[in-house]
């Protein structure tokens, strides 16, 4: 499992829960290992989300999943759901689900379309 975009505001309890549930530690964004899951922490001021999502599948297994983690509404760095949907489409990804991911974060599950694998 690869993690990108970690910063001091990232939810360490969520990170620990992911590691416990999967039984695997999180590798950094510099890792060249092929992973099944990529966690991408993203805030509004992190730049162009579409560009970030284009880069996210690098090193992802063919059946891998990207979890985009963004601050919840009302929190600093919140990203509008419509911006996520537009960026995912631009990056050639399919949005599968959005769920609460901890106290301050939302998670959006993104996948590479089956016909693009």
PDB file of N, CA and C in Angstrom:
ATOM      1  N   UNK A   1       0.856  -1.160   0.000  1.00  0.00           N
ATOM      2  CA  UNK A   1       0.000   0.000   0.000  1.00  0.00           C
ATOM      3  C   UNK A   1       0.910   1.233   0.000  1.00  0.00           C
ATOM      4  N   UNK A   2       0.691   2.107  -0.980  1.00  0.00           N
ATOM      5  CA  UNK A   2       1.493   3.330  -1.102  1.00  0.00           C
ATOM      6  C   UNK A   2       0.693   4.540  -0.628  1.00  0.00           C
ATOM      7  N   UNK A   3       1.373   5.447   0.038  1.00  0.00           N
ATOM      8  CA  UNK A   3       0.746   6.656   0.555  1.00  0.00           C
ATOM      9  C   UNK A   3       1.447   7.865  -0.064  1.00  0.00           C
ATOM     10  N   UNK A   4       0.643   8.789  -0.578  1.00  0.00           N
ATOM     11  CA  UNK A   4       1.156  10.009  -1.182  1.00  0.00           C
ATOM     12  C   UNK A   4       0.423  11.202  -0.576  1.00  0.00           C
ATOM     13  N   UNK A   5       1.134  12.286  -0.371  1.00  0.00           N
ATOM     14  CA  UNK A   5       0.509  13.511   0.091  1.00  0.00           C
ATOM     15  C   UNK A   5       0.351  13.626   1.594  1.00  0.00           C
ATOM     16  N   UNK A   6       1.014  12.729   2.350  1.00  0.00           N
ATOM     17  CA  UNK A   6       0.916  12.818   3.809  1.00  0.00           C
ATOM     18  C   UNK A   6       1.439  14.172   4.256  1.00  0.00           C
ATOM     19  N   UNK A   7       0.796  14.747   5.263  1.00  0.00           N
ATOM     20  CA  UNK A   7       1.253  15.987   5.882  1.00  0.00           C
ATOM     21  C   UNK A   7       0.803  15.955   7.339  1.00  0.00           C
ATOM     22  N   UNK A   8       1.144  16.973   8.088  1.00  0.00           N
ATOM     23  CA  UNK A   8       0.842  17.009   9.515  1.00  0.00           C
ATOM     24  C   UNK A   8      -0.654  16.930   9.818  1.00  0.00           C
ATOM     25  N   UNK A   9      -1.495  17.345   8.867  1.00  0.00           N
ATOM     26  CA  UNK A   9      -2.939  17.293   9.099  1.00  0.00           C
ATOM     27  C   UNK A   9      -3.565  15.938   8.750  1.00  0.00           C
ATOM     28  N   UNK A  10      -2.772  15.022   8.184  1.00  0.00           N
ATOM     29  CA  UNK A  10      -3.284  13.692   7.850  1.00  0.00           C
ATOM     30  C   UNK A  10      -3.705  12.970   9.127  1.00  0.00           C
ATOM     31  N   UNK A  11      -4.650  12.096   9.006  1.00  0.00           N
ATOM     32  CA  UNK A  11      -5.244  11.398  10.139  1.00  0.00           C
ATOM     33  C   UNK A  11      -4.433  10.148  10.475  1.00  0.00           C
ATOM     34  N   UNK A  12      -3.615  10.244  11.533  1.00  0.00           N
ATOM     35  CA  UNK A  12      -2.767   9.116  11.910  1.00  0.00           C
ATOM     36  C   UNK A  12      -3.576   7.923  12.399  1.00  0.00           C
ATOM     37  N   UNK A  13      -4.717   8.165  13.020  1.00  0.00           N
ATOM     38  CA  UNK A  13      -5.571   7.056  13.460  1.00  0.00           C
ATOM     39  C   UNK A  13      -6.112   6.292  12.252  1.00  0.00           C
ATOM     40  N   UNK A  14      -6.471   7.015  11.203  1.00  0.00           N
ATOM     41  CA  UNK A  14      -6.942   6.372   9.972  1.00  0.00           C
ATOM     42  C   UNK A  14      -5.815   5.568   9.335  1.00  0.00           C
ATOM     43  N   UNK A  15      -4.627   6.139   9.307  1.00  0.00           N
ATOM     44  CA  UNK A  15      -3.472   5.440   8.744  1.00  0.00           C
ATOM     45  C   UNK A  15      -3.218   4.134   9.500  1.00  0.00           C
ATOM     46  N   UNK A  16      -3.260   4.204  10.836  1.00  0.00           N
ATOM     47  CA  UNK A  16      -3.036   3.013  11.663  1.00  0.00           C
ATOM     48  C   UNK A  16      -4.129   1.964  11.436  1.00  0.00           C
ATOM     49  N   UNK A  17      -5.365   2.412  11.284  1.00  0.00           N
ATOM     50  CA  UNK A  17      -6.471   1.490  11.035  1.00  0.00           C
ATOM     51  C   UNK A  17      -6.308   0.783   9.687  1.00  0.00           C
ATOM     52  N   UNK A  18      -5.853   1.514   8.692  1.00  0.00           N
ATOM     53  CA  UNK A  18      -5.619   0.918   7.366  1.00  0.00           C
ATOM     54  C   UNK A  18      -4.522  -0.140   7.464  1.00  0.00           C
ATOM     55  N   UNK A  19      -3.437   0.194   8.147  1.00  0.00           N
ATOM     56  CA  UNK A  19      -2.348  -0.765   8.307  1.00  0.00           C
ATOM     57  C   UNK A  19      -2.809  -2.012   9.065  1.00  0.00           C
ATOM     58  N   UNK A  20      -3.599  -1.812  10.113  1.00  0.00           N
ATOM     59  CA  UNK A  20      -4.088  -2.950  10.899  1.00  0.00           C
ATOM     60  C   UNK A  20      -5.012  -3.827  10.068  1.00  0.00           C
ATOM     61  N   UNK A  21      -5.922  -3.193   9.356  1.00  0.00           N
ATOM     62  CA  UNK A  21      -6.902  -3.950   8.560  1.00  0.00           C
ATOM     63  C   UNK A  21      -6.244  -4.745   7.436  1.00  0.00           C
ATOM     64  N   UNK A  22      -5.256  -4.128   6.765  1.00  0.00           N
ATOM     65  CA  UNK A  22      -4.609  -4.794   5.633  1.00  0.00           C
ATOM     66  C   UNK A  22      -3.468  -5.709   6.059  1.00  0.00           C
ATOM     67  N   UNK A  23      -2.924  -5.457   7.245  1.00  0.00           N
ATOM     68  CA  UNK A  23      -1.773  -6.237   7.684  1.00  0.00           C
ATOM     69  C   UNK A  23      -0.481  -5.806   7.010  1.00  0.00           C
ATOM     70  N   UNK A  24      -0.508  -4.662   6.338  1.00  0.00           N
ATOM     71  CA  UNK A  24       0.674  -4.159   5.630  1.00  0.00           C
ATOM     72  C   UNK A  24       0.943  -2.720   6.042  1.00  0.00           C
ATOM     73  N   UNK A  25       2.211  -2.378   6.120  1.00  0.00           N
ATOM     74  CA  UNK A  25       2.591  -1.003   6.377  1.00  0.00           C
ATOM     75  C   UNK A  25       2.425  -0.156   5.128  1.00  0.00           C
ATOM     76  N   UNK A  26       2.387   1.134   5.331  1.00  0.00           N
ATOM     77  CA  UNK A  26       2.280   2.067   4.211  1.00  0.00           C
ATOM     78  C   UNK A  26       3.677   2.388   3.700  1.00  0.00           C
ATOM     79  N   UNK A  27       3.862   2.347   2.393  1.00  0.00           N
ATOM     80  CA  UNK A  27       5.134   2.752   1.807  1.00  0.00           C
ATOM     81  C   UNK A  27       5.006   4.190   1.332  1.00  0.00           C
ATOM     82  N   UNK A  28       6.111   4.862   1.221  1.00  0.00           N
ATOM     83  CA  UNK A  28       6.107   6.254   0.784  1.00  0.00           C
ATOM     84  C   UNK A  28       5.932   6.397  -0.712  1.00  0.00           C
ATOM     85  N   UNK A  29       5.757   7.632  -1.127  1.00  0.00           N
ATOM     86  CA  UNK A  29       5.516   7.900  -2.535  1.00  0.00           C
ATOM     87  C   UNK A  29       6.727   7.619  -3.408  1.00  0.00           C
ATOM     88  N   UNK A  30       7.902   7.477  -2.819  1.00  0.00           N
ATOM     89  CA  UNK A  30       9.108   7.174  -3.596  1.00  0.00           C
ATOM     90  C   UNK A  30       9.285   5.686  -3.846  1.00  0.00           C
ATOM     91  N   UNK A  31       8.447   4.862  -3.238  1.00  0.00           N
ATOM     92  CA  UNK A  31       8.550   3.413  -3.403  1.00  0.00           C
ATOM     93  C   UNK A  31       8.263   3.027  -4.847  1.00  0.00           C
ATOM     94  N   UNK A  32       9.041   2.081  -5.352  1.00  0.00           N
ATOM     95  CA  UNK A  32       8.834   1.587  -6.717  1.00  0.00           C
ATOM     96  C   UNK A  32       8.095   0.261  -6.733  1.00  0.00           C
ATOM     97  N   UNK A  33       7.669  -0.205  -5.572  1.00  0.00           N
ATOM     98  CA  UNK A  33       6.952  -1.474  -5.477  1.00  0.00           C
ATOM     99  C   UNK A  33       5.578  -1.360  -6.127  1.00  0.00           C
ATOM    100  N   UNK A  34       5.117  -2.442  -6.716  1.00  0.00           N
ATOM    101  CA  UNK A  34       3.758  -2.509  -7.247  1.00  0.00           C
ATOM    102  C   UNK A  34       2.826  -2.737  -6.062  1.00  0.00           C
ATOM    103  N   UNK A  35       1.777  -1.932  -5.968  1.00  0.00           N
ATOM    104  CA  UNK A  35       0.866  -1.997  -4.826  1.00  0.00           C
ATOM    105  C   UNK A  35      -0.570  -2.226  -5.282  1.00  0.00           C
ATOM    106  N   UNK A  36      -1.380  -2.762  -4.384  1.00  0.00           N
ATOM    107  CA  UNK A  36      -2.805  -2.984  -4.657  1.00  0.00           C
ATOM    108  C   UNK A  36      -3.639  -1.746  -4.364  1.00  0.00           C
ATOM    109  N   UNK A  37      -3.141  -0.903  -3.454  1.00  0.00           N
ATOM    110  CA  UNK A  37      -3.888   0.280  -3.039  1.00  0.00           C
ATOM    111  C   UNK A  37      -2.943   1.473  -2.955  1.00  0.00           C
ATOM    112  N   UNK A  38      -3.420   2.596  -3.458  1.00  0.00           N
ATOM    113  CA  UNK A  38      -2.696   3.859  -3.324  1.00  0.00           C
ATOM    114  C   UNK A  38      -3.590   4.817  -2.536  1.00  0.00           C
ATOM    115  N   UNK A  39      -3.073   5.324  -1.417  1.00  0.00           N
ATOM    116  CA  UNK A  39      -3.768   6.350  -0.639  1.00  0.00           C
ATOM    117  C   UNK A  39      -3.208   7.691  -1.071  1.00  0.00           C
ATOM    118  N   UNK A  40      -4.082   8.593  -1.459  1.00  0.00           N
ATOM    119  CA  UNK A  40      -3.660   9.913  -1.908  1.00  0.00           C
ATOM    120  C   UNK A  40      -4.359  10.964  -1.056  1.00  0.00           C
ATOM    121  N   UNK A  41      -3.600  11.593  -0.138  1.00  0.00           N
ATOM    122  CA  UNK A  41      -4.124  12.694   0.670  1.00  0.00           C
ATOM    123  C   UNK A  41      -4.084  13.932  -0.211  1.00  0.00           C
ATOM    124  N   UNK A  42      -5.205  14.647  -0.328  1.00  0.00           N
ATOM    125  CA  UNK A  42      -5.258  15.814  -1.217  1.00  0.00           C
ATOM    126  C   UNK A  42      -6.065  16.931  -0.574  1.00  0.00           C
ATOM    127  N   UNK A  43      -5.512  18.130  -0.667  1.00  0.00           N
ATOM    128  CA  UNK A  43      -6.184  19.331  -0.184  1.00  0.00           C
ATOM    129  C   UNK A  43      -6.350  20.308  -1.338  1.00  0.00           C
ATOM    130  N   UNK A  44      -7.301  21.197  -1.213  1.00  0.00           N
ATOM    131  CA  UNK A  44      -7.612  22.143  -2.289  1.00  0.00           C
ATOM    132  C   UNK A  44      -6.376  22.875  -2.804  1.00  0.00           C
ATOM    133  N   UNK A  45      -5.461  23.244  -1.925  1.00  0.00           N
ATOM    134  CA  UNK A  45      -4.291  24.026  -2.346  1.00  0.00           C
ATOM    135  C   UNK A  45      -3.094  23.167  -2.735  1.00  0.00           C
ATOM    136  N   UNK A  46      -3.287  21.869  -2.940  1.00  0.00           N
ATOM    137  CA  UNK A  46      -2.189  20.975  -3.322  1.00  0.00           C
ATOM    138  C   UNK A  46      -1.872  21.025  -4.808  1.00  0.00           C
ATOM    139  N   UNK A  47      -2.594  21.812  -5.570  1.00  0.00           N
ATOM    140  CA  UNK A  47      -2.336  21.901  -7.007  1.00  0.00           C
ATOM    141  C   UNK A  47      -3.499  21.354  -7.809  1.00  0.00           C
ATOM    142  N   UNK A  48      -3.204  20.976  -9.020  1.00  0.00           N
ATOM    143  CA  UNK A  48      -4.217  20.480  -9.948  1.00  0.00           C
ATOM    144  C   UNK A  48      -4.528  19.021  -9.615  1.00  0.00           C
ATOM    145  N   UNK A  49      -5.733  18.770  -9.138  1.00  0.00           N
ATOM    146  CA  UNK A  49      -6.127  17.425  -8.735  1.00  0.00           C
ATOM    147  C   UNK A  49      -6.054  16.446  -9.908  1.00  0.00           C
ATOM    148  N   UNK A  50      -6.455  16.864 -11.097  1.00  0.00           N
ATOM    149  CA  UNK A  50      -6.395  15.969 -12.259  1.00  0.00           C
ATOM    150  C   UNK A  50      -4.963  15.504 -12.495  1.00  0.00           C
ATOM    151  N   UNK A  51      -3.998  16.407 -12.376  1.00  0.00           N
ATOM    152  CA  UNK A  51      -2.592  16.023 -12.535  1.00  0.00           C
ATOM    153  C   UNK A  51      -2.189  15.014 -11.467  1.00  0.00           C
ATOM    154  N   UNK A  52      -2.627  15.241 -10.236  1.00  0.00           N
ATOM    155  CA  UNK A  52      -2.329  14.301  -9.161  1.00  0.00           C
ATOM    156  C   UNK A  52      -2.931  12.929  -9.408  1.00  0.00           C
ATOM    157  N   UNK A  53      -4.139  12.909  -9.964  1.00  0.00           N
ATOM    158  CA  UNK A  53      -4.795  11.636 -10.242  1.00  0.00           C
ATOM    159  C   UNK A  53      -4.197  10.928 -11.451  1.00  0.00           C
ATOM    160  N   UNK A  54      -3.681  11.682 -12.406  1.00  0.00           N
ATOM    161  CA  UNK A  54      -3.009  11.060 -13.552  1.00  0.00           C
ATOM    162  C   UNK A  54      -1.781  10.297 -13.058  1.00  0.00           C
ATOM    163  N   UNK A  55      -1.074  10.861 -12.081  1.00  0.00           N
ATOM    164  CA  UNK A  55       0.143  10.233 -11.551  1.00  0.00           C
ATOM    165  C   UNK A  55      -0.154   9.099 -10.573  1.00  0.00           C
ATOM    166  N   UNK A  56      -1.318   9.098  -9.956  1.00  0.00           N
ATOM    167  CA  UNK A  56      -1.637   8.142  -8.887  1.00  0.00           C
ATOM    168  C   UNK A  56      -1.542   6.669  -9.294  1.00  0.00           C
ATOM    169  N   UNK A  57      -1.927   6.268 -10.510  1.00  0.00           N
ATOM    170  CA  UNK A  57      -1.860   4.844 -10.858  1.00  0.00           C
ATOM    171  C   UNK A  57      -0.448   4.294 -11.079  1.00  0.00           C
ATOM    172  N   UNK A  58       0.570   5.149 -11.109  1.00  0.00           N
ATOM    173  CA  UNK A  58       1.938   4.652 -11.304  1.00  0.00           C
ATOM    174  C   UNK A  58       2.273   3.651 -10.205  1.00  0.00           C
ATOM    175  N   UNK A  59       2.688   2.472 -10.603  1.00  0.00           N
ATOM    176  CA  UNK A  59       3.039   1.436  -9.638  1.00  0.00           C
ATOM    177  C   UNK A  59       1.853   0.717  -9.037  1.00  0.00           C
ATOM    178  N   UNK A  60       0.664   0.949  -9.573  1.00  0.00           N
ATOM    179  CA  UNK A  60      -0.548   0.307  -9.077  1.00  0.00           C
ATOM    180  C   UNK A  60      -0.790  -0.984  -9.866  1.00  0.00           C
ATOM    181  N   UNK A  61      -1.124  -2.056  -9.159  1.00  0.00           N
ATOM    182  CA  UNK A  61      -1.448  -3.330  -9.804  1.00  0.00           C
ATOM    183  C   UNK A  61      -2.643  -3.142 -10.740  1.00  0.00           C
ATOM    184  N   UNK A  62      -2.762  -4.008 -11.732  1.00  0.00           N
ATOM    185  CA  UNK A  62      -3.843  -3.893 -12.713  1.00  0.00           C
ATOM    186  C   UNK A  62      -5.223  -3.824 -12.074  1.00  0.00           C
ATOM    187  N   UNK A  63      -5.423  -4.535 -10.990  1.00  0.00           N
ATOM    188  CA  UNK A  63      -6.723  -4.528 -10.314  1.00  0.00           C
ATOM    189  C   UNK A  63      -6.693  -3.642  -9.066  1.00  0.00           C
ATOM    190  N   UNK A  64      -5.737  -2.718  -9.010  1.00  0.00           N
ATOM    191  CA  UNK A  64      -5.563  -1.862  -7.850  1.00  0.00           C
ATOM    192  C   UNK A  64      -6.616  -0.771  -7.734  1.00  0.00           C
ATOM    193  N   UNK A  65      -6.640  -0.166  -6.564  1.00  0.00           N
ATOM    194  CA  UNK A  65      -7.606   0.876  -6.229  1.00  0.00           C
ATOM    195  C   UNK A  65      -6.876   2.088  -5.683  1.00  0.00           C
ATOM    196  N   UNK A  66      -7.390   3.259  -6.010  1.00  0.00           N
ATOM    197  CA  UNK A  66      -6.884   4.511  -5.467  1.00  0.00           C
ATOM    198  C   UNK A  66      -7.921   5.025  -4.485  1.00  0.00           C
ATOM    199  N   UNK A  67      -7.483   5.369  -3.283  1.00  0.00           N
ATOM    200  CA  UNK A  67      -8.351   6.036  -2.323  1.00  0.00           C
ATOM    201  C   UNK A  67      -7.885   7.472  -2.207  1.00  0.00           C
ATOM    202  N   UNK A  68      -8.704   8.380  -2.685  1.00  0.00           N
ATOM    203  CA  UNK A  68      -8.440   9.809  -2.590  1.00  0.00           C
ATOM    204  C   UNK A  68      -9.025  10.295  -1.270  1.00  0.00           C
ATOM    205  N   UNK A  69      -8.164  10.831  -0.410  1.00  0.00           N
ATOM    206  CA  UNK A  69      -8.592  11.320   0.899  1.00  0.00           C
ATOM    207  C   UNK A  69      -8.561  12.834   0.889  1.00  0.00           C
ATOM    208  N   UNK A  70      -9.719  13.458   1.116  1.00  0.00           N
ATOM    209  CA  UNK A  70      -9.841  14.916   1.085  1.00  0.00           C
ATOM    210  C   UNK A  70     -10.534  15.400   2.359  1.00  0.00           C
ATOM    211  N   UNK A  71     -10.201  16.608   2.808  1.00  0.00           N
ATOM    212  CA  UNK A  71     -10.851  17.131   4.019  1.00  0.00           C
ATOM    213  C   UNK A  71     -12.369  17.248   3.840  1.00  0.00           C
ATOM    214  N   UNK A  72     -13.095  16.967   4.908  1.00  0.00           N
ATOM    215  CA  UNK A  72     -14.551  17.092   4.876  1.00  0.00           C
ATOM    216  C   UNK A  72     -14.967  18.548   4.709  1.00  0.00           C
ATOM    217  N   UNK A  73     -16.206  18.747   4.281  1.00  0.00           N
ATOM    218  CA  UNK A  73     -16.752  20.091   4.120  1.00  0.00           C
ATOM    219  C   UNK A  73     -16.601  20.860   5.429  1.00  0.00           C
ATOM    220  N   UNK A  74     -16.196  22.116   5.304  1.00  0.00           N
ATOM    221  CA  UNK A  74     -16.002  22.962   6.465  1.00  0.00           C
ATOM    222  C   UNK A  74     -14.590  22.903   7.032  1.00  0.00           C
ATOM    223  N   UNK A  75     -13.781  21.984   6.546  1.00  0.00           N
ATOM    224  CA  UNK A  75     -12.394  21.867   6.995  1.00  0.00           C
ATOM    225  C   UNK A  75     -11.480  22.572   5.992  1.00  0.00           C
ATOM    226  N   UNK A  76     -10.350  23.072   6.492  1.00  0.00           N
ATOM    227  CA  UNK A  76      -9.368  23.688   5.602  1.00  0.00           C
ATOM    228  C   UNK A  76      -8.957  22.700   4.522  1.00  0.00           C
ATOM    229  N   UNK A  77      -8.924  23.169   3.286  1.00  0.00           N
ATOM    230  CA  UNK A  77      -8.490  22.337   2.172  1.00  0.00           C
ATOM    231  C   UNK A  77      -9.572  21.490   1.540  1.00  0.00           C
ATOM    232  N   UNK A  78     -10.839  21.685   1.958  1.00  0.00           N
ATOM    233  CA  UNK A  78     -11.952  20.895   1.401  1.00  0.00           C
ATOM    234  C   UNK A  78     -11.948  20.969  -0.130  1.00  0.00           C
ATOM    235  N   UNK A  79     -12.212  19.837  -0.754  1.00  0.00           N
ATOM    236  CA  UNK A  79     -12.314  19.750  -2.211  1.00  0.00           C
ATOM    237  C   UNK A  79     -13.757  19.392  -2.542  1.00  0.00           C
ATOM    238  N   UNK A  80     -14.373  20.178  -3.398  1.00  0.00           N
ATOM    239  CA  UNK A  80     -15.770  19.946  -3.771  1.00  0.00           C
ATOM    240  C   UNK A  80     -15.920  18.607  -4.498  1.00  0.00           C
ATOM    241  N   UNK A  81     -16.985  17.859  -4.199  1.00  0.00           N
ATOM    242  CA  UNK A  81     -17.224  16.588  -4.888  1.00  0.00           C
ATOM    243  C   UNK A  81     -17.266  16.736  -6.414  1.00  0.00           C
ATOM    244  N   UNK A  82     -17.808  17.834  -6.907  1.00  0.00           N
ATOM    245  CA  UNK A  82     -17.850  18.036  -8.359  1.00  0.00           C
ATOM    246  C   UNK A  82     -16.442  18.179  -8.932  1.00  0.00           C
ATOM    247  N   UNK A  83     -15.521  18.788  -8.179  1.00  0.00           N
ATOM    248  CA  UNK A  83     -14.128  18.900  -8.623  1.00  0.00           C
ATOM    249  C   UNK A  83     -13.456  17.533  -8.654  1.00  0.00           C
ATOM    250  N   UNK A  84     -13.792  16.687  -7.676  1.00  0.00           N
ATOM    251  CA  UNK A  84     -13.245  15.325  -7.655  1.00  0.00           C
ATOM    252  C   UNK A  84     -13.748  14.549  -8.866  1.00  0.00           C
ATOM    253  N   UNK A  85     -15.045  14.620  -9.120  1.00  0.00           N
ATOM    254  CA  UNK A  85     -15.629  13.897 -10.254  1.00  0.00           C
ATOM    255  C   UNK A  85     -15.010  14.351 -11.570  1.00  0.00           C
ATOM    256  N   UNK A  86     -14.856  15.656 -11.735  1.00  0.00           N
ATOM    257  CA  UNK A  86     -14.272  16.184 -12.969  1.00  0.00           C
ATOM    258  C   UNK A  86     -12.812  15.757 -13.123  1.00  0.00           C
ATOM    259  N   UNK A  87     -12.039  15.844 -12.049  1.00  0.00           N
ATOM    260  CA  UNK A  87     -10.630  15.464 -12.097  1.00  0.00           C
ATOM    261  C   UNK A  87     -10.473  13.969 -12.376  1.00  0.00           C
ATOM    262  N   UNK A  88     -11.324  13.143 -11.773  1.00  0.00           N
ATOM    263  CA  UNK A  88     -11.261  11.703 -12.009  1.00  0.00           C
ATOM    264  C   UNK A  88     -11.533  11.384 -13.475  1.00  0.00           C
ATOM    265  N   UNK A  89     -12.541  12.008 -14.039  1.00  0.00           N
ATOM    266  CA  UNK A  89     -12.861  11.798 -15.452  1.00  0.00           C
ATOM    267  C   UNK A  89     -11.703  12.238 -16.336  1.00  0.00           C
ATOM    268  N   UNK A  90     -11.147  13.403 -16.055  1.00  0.00           N
ATOM    269  CA  UNK A  90     -10.011  13.915 -16.826  1.00  0.00           C
ATOM    270  C   UNK A  90      -8.828  12.959 -16.746  1.00  0.00           C
ATOM    271  N   UNK A  91      -8.617  12.348 -15.579  1.00  0.00           N
ATOM    272  CA  UNK A  91      -7.496  11.424 -15.375  1.00  0.00           C
ATOM    273  C   UNK A  91      -7.783  10.026 -15.915  1.00  0.00           C
ATOM    274  N   UNK A  92      -8.994   9.800 -16.429  1.00  0.00           N
ATOM    275  CA  UNK A  92      -9.344   8.494 -16.975  1.00  0.00           C
ATOM    276  C   UNK A  92      -9.690   7.467 -15.915  1.00  0.00           C
ATOM    277  N   UNK A  93     -10.121   7.929 -14.754  1.00  0.00           N
ATOM    278  CA  UNK A  93     -10.481   7.038 -13.656  1.00  0.00           C
ATOM    279  C   UNK A  93     -11.992   7.001 -13.467  1.00  0.00           C
ATOM    280  N   UNK A  94     -12.466   5.947 -12.835  1.00  0.00           N
ATOM    281  CA  UNK A  94     -13.885   5.781 -12.545  1.00  0.00           C
ATOM    282  C   UNK A  94     -14.076   5.915 -11.038  1.00  0.00           C
ATOM    283  N   UNK A  95     -15.020   6.761 -10.647  1.00  0.00           N
ATOM    284  CA  UNK A  95     -15.341   6.945  -9.239  1.00  0.00           C
ATOM    285  C   UNK A  95     -16.330   5.869  -8.830  1.00  0.00           C
ATOM    286  N   UNK A  96     -15.979   5.103  -7.784  1.00  0.00           N
ATOM    287  CA  UNK A  96     -16.832   3.992  -7.349  1.00  0.00           C
ATOM    288  C   UNK A  96     -17.623   4.289  -6.086  1.00  0.00           C
ATOM    289  N   UNK A  97     -17.023   5.015  -5.138  1.00  0.00           N
ATOM    290  CA  UNK A  97     -17.703   5.248  -3.866  1.00  0.00           C
ATOM    291  C   UNK A  97     -17.063   6.428  -3.156  1.00  0.00           C
ATOM    292  N   UNK A  98     -17.864   7.070  -2.311  1.00  0.00           N
ATOM    293  CA  UNK A  98     -17.361   8.104  -1.408  1.00  0.00           C
ATOM    294  C   UNK A  98     -17.877   7.774  -0.018  1.00  0.00           C
ATOM    295  N   UNK A  99     -16.972   7.791   0.951  1.00  0.00           N
ATOM    296  CA  UNK A  99     -17.329   7.416   2.315  1.00  0.00           C
ATOM    297  C   UNK A  99     -16.622   8.326   3.315  1.00  0.00           C
ATOM    298  N   UNK A 100     -17.179   8.482   4.512  1.00  0.00           N
ATOM    299  CA  UNK A 100     -16.437   9.179   5.562  1.00  0.00           C
ATOM    300  C   UNK A 100     -15.192   8.353   5.904  1.00  0.00           C
ATOM    301  N   UNK A 101     -14.084   9.024   6.099  1.00  0.00           N
ATOM    302  CA  UNK A 101     -12.823   8.325   6.409  1.00  0.00           C
ATOM    303  C   UNK A 101     -12.171   9.008   7.599  1.00  0.00           C
ATOM    304  N   UNK A 102     -12.703   8.789   8.753  1.00  0.00           N
ATOM    305  CA  UNK A 102     -12.188   9.445   9.937  1.00  0.00           C
ATOM    306  C   UNK A 102     -12.995  10.691  10.257  1.00  0.00           C
ATOM    307  N   UNK A 103     -12.556  11.407  11.267  1.00  0.00           N
ATOM    308  CA  UNK A 103     -13.279  12.572  11.755  1.00  0.00           C
ATOM    309  C   UNK A 103     -13.238  13.735  10.764  1.00  0.00           C
ATOM    310  N   UNK A 104     -12.095  13.972  10.143  1.00  0.00           N
ATOM    311  CA  UNK A 104     -11.913  15.156   9.305  1.00  0.00           C
ATOM    312  C   UNK A 104     -11.778  14.881   7.813  1.00  0.00           C
ATOM    313  N   UNK A 105     -11.847  13.628   7.406  1.00  0.00           N
ATOM    314  CA  UNK A 105     -11.544  13.276   6.019  1.00  0.00           C
ATOM    315  C   UNK A 105     -12.655  12.466   5.375  1.00  0.00           C
ATOM    316  N   UNK A 106     -12.790  12.614   4.055  1.00  0.00           N
ATOM    317  CA  UNK A 106     -13.639  11.772   3.226  1.00  0.00           C
ATOM    318  C   UNK A 106     -12.740  10.931   2.338  1.00  0.00           C
ATOM    319  N   UNK A 107     -13.211   9.745   1.996  1.00  0.00           N
ATOM    320  CA  UNK A 107     -12.480   8.878   1.083  1.00  0.00           C
ATOM    321  C   UNK A 107     -13.293   8.656  -0.175  1.00  0.00           C
ATOM    322  N   UNK A 108     -12.632   8.780  -1.317  1.00  0.00           N
ATOM    323  CA  UNK A 108     -13.275   8.520  -2.605  1.00  0.00           C
ATOM    324  C   UNK A 108     -12.507   7.397  -3.286  1.00  0.00           C
ATOM    325  N   UNK A 109     -13.198   6.315  -3.570  1.00  0.00           N
ATOM    326  CA  UNK A 109     -12.569   5.155  -4.218  1.00  0.00           C
ATOM    327  C   UNK A 109     -12.591   5.359  -5.732  1.00  0.00           C
ATOM    328  N   UNK A 110     -11.405   5.286  -6.317  1.00  0.00           N
ATOM    329  CA  UNK A 110     -11.239   5.462  -7.755  1.00  0.00           C
ATOM    330  C   UNK A 110     -10.555   4.236  -8.346  1.00  0.00           C
ATOM    331  N   UNK A 111     -10.931   3.883  -9.563  1.00  0.00           N
ATOM    332  CA  UNK A 111     -10.341   2.723 -10.228  1.00  0.00           C
ATOM    333  C   UNK A 111     -10.008   3.053 -11.669  1.00  0.00           C
ATOM    334  N   UNK A 112      -9.052   2.298 -12.189  1.00  0.00           N
ATOM    335  CA  UNK A 112      -8.762   2.361 -13.623  1.00  0.00           C
ATOM    336  C   UNK A 112      -9.842   1.542 -14.306  1.00  0.00           C
ATOM    337  N   UNK A 113     -10.489   2.065 -15.356  1.00  0.00           N
ATOM    338  CA  UNK A 113     -11.535   1.279 -16.037  1.00  0.00           C
ATOM    339  C   UNK A 113     -10.999  -0.050 -16.525  1.00  0.00           C
ATOM    340  N   UNK A 114     -11.803  -1.072 -16.434  1.00  0.00           N
ATOM    341  CA  UNK A 114     -11.371  -2.430 -16.835  1.00  0.00           C
ATOM    342  C   UNK A 114     -10.843  -2.475 -18.258  1.00  0.00           C
ATOM    343  N   UNK A 115     -11.435  -1.730 -19.160  1.00  0.00           N
ATOM    344  CA  UNK A 115     -10.989  -1.772 -20.552  1.00  0.00           C
ATOM    345  C   UNK A 115      -9.678  -1.024 -20.789  1.00  0.00           C
ATOM    346  N   UNK A 116      -9.156  -0.346 -19.743  1.00  0.00           N
ATOM    347  CA  UNK A 116      -7.891   0.374 -19.861  1.00  0.00           C
ATOM    348  C   UNK A 116      -6.739  -0.354 -19.195  1.00  0.00           C
ATOM    349  N   UNK A 117      -7.030  -1.490 -18.596  1.00  0.00           N
ATOM    350  CA  UNK A 117      -5.984  -2.219 -17.839  1.00  0.00           C
ATOM    351  C   UNK A 117      -5.136  -3.051 -18.738  1.00  0.00           C
TER     352      UNK A 117
END
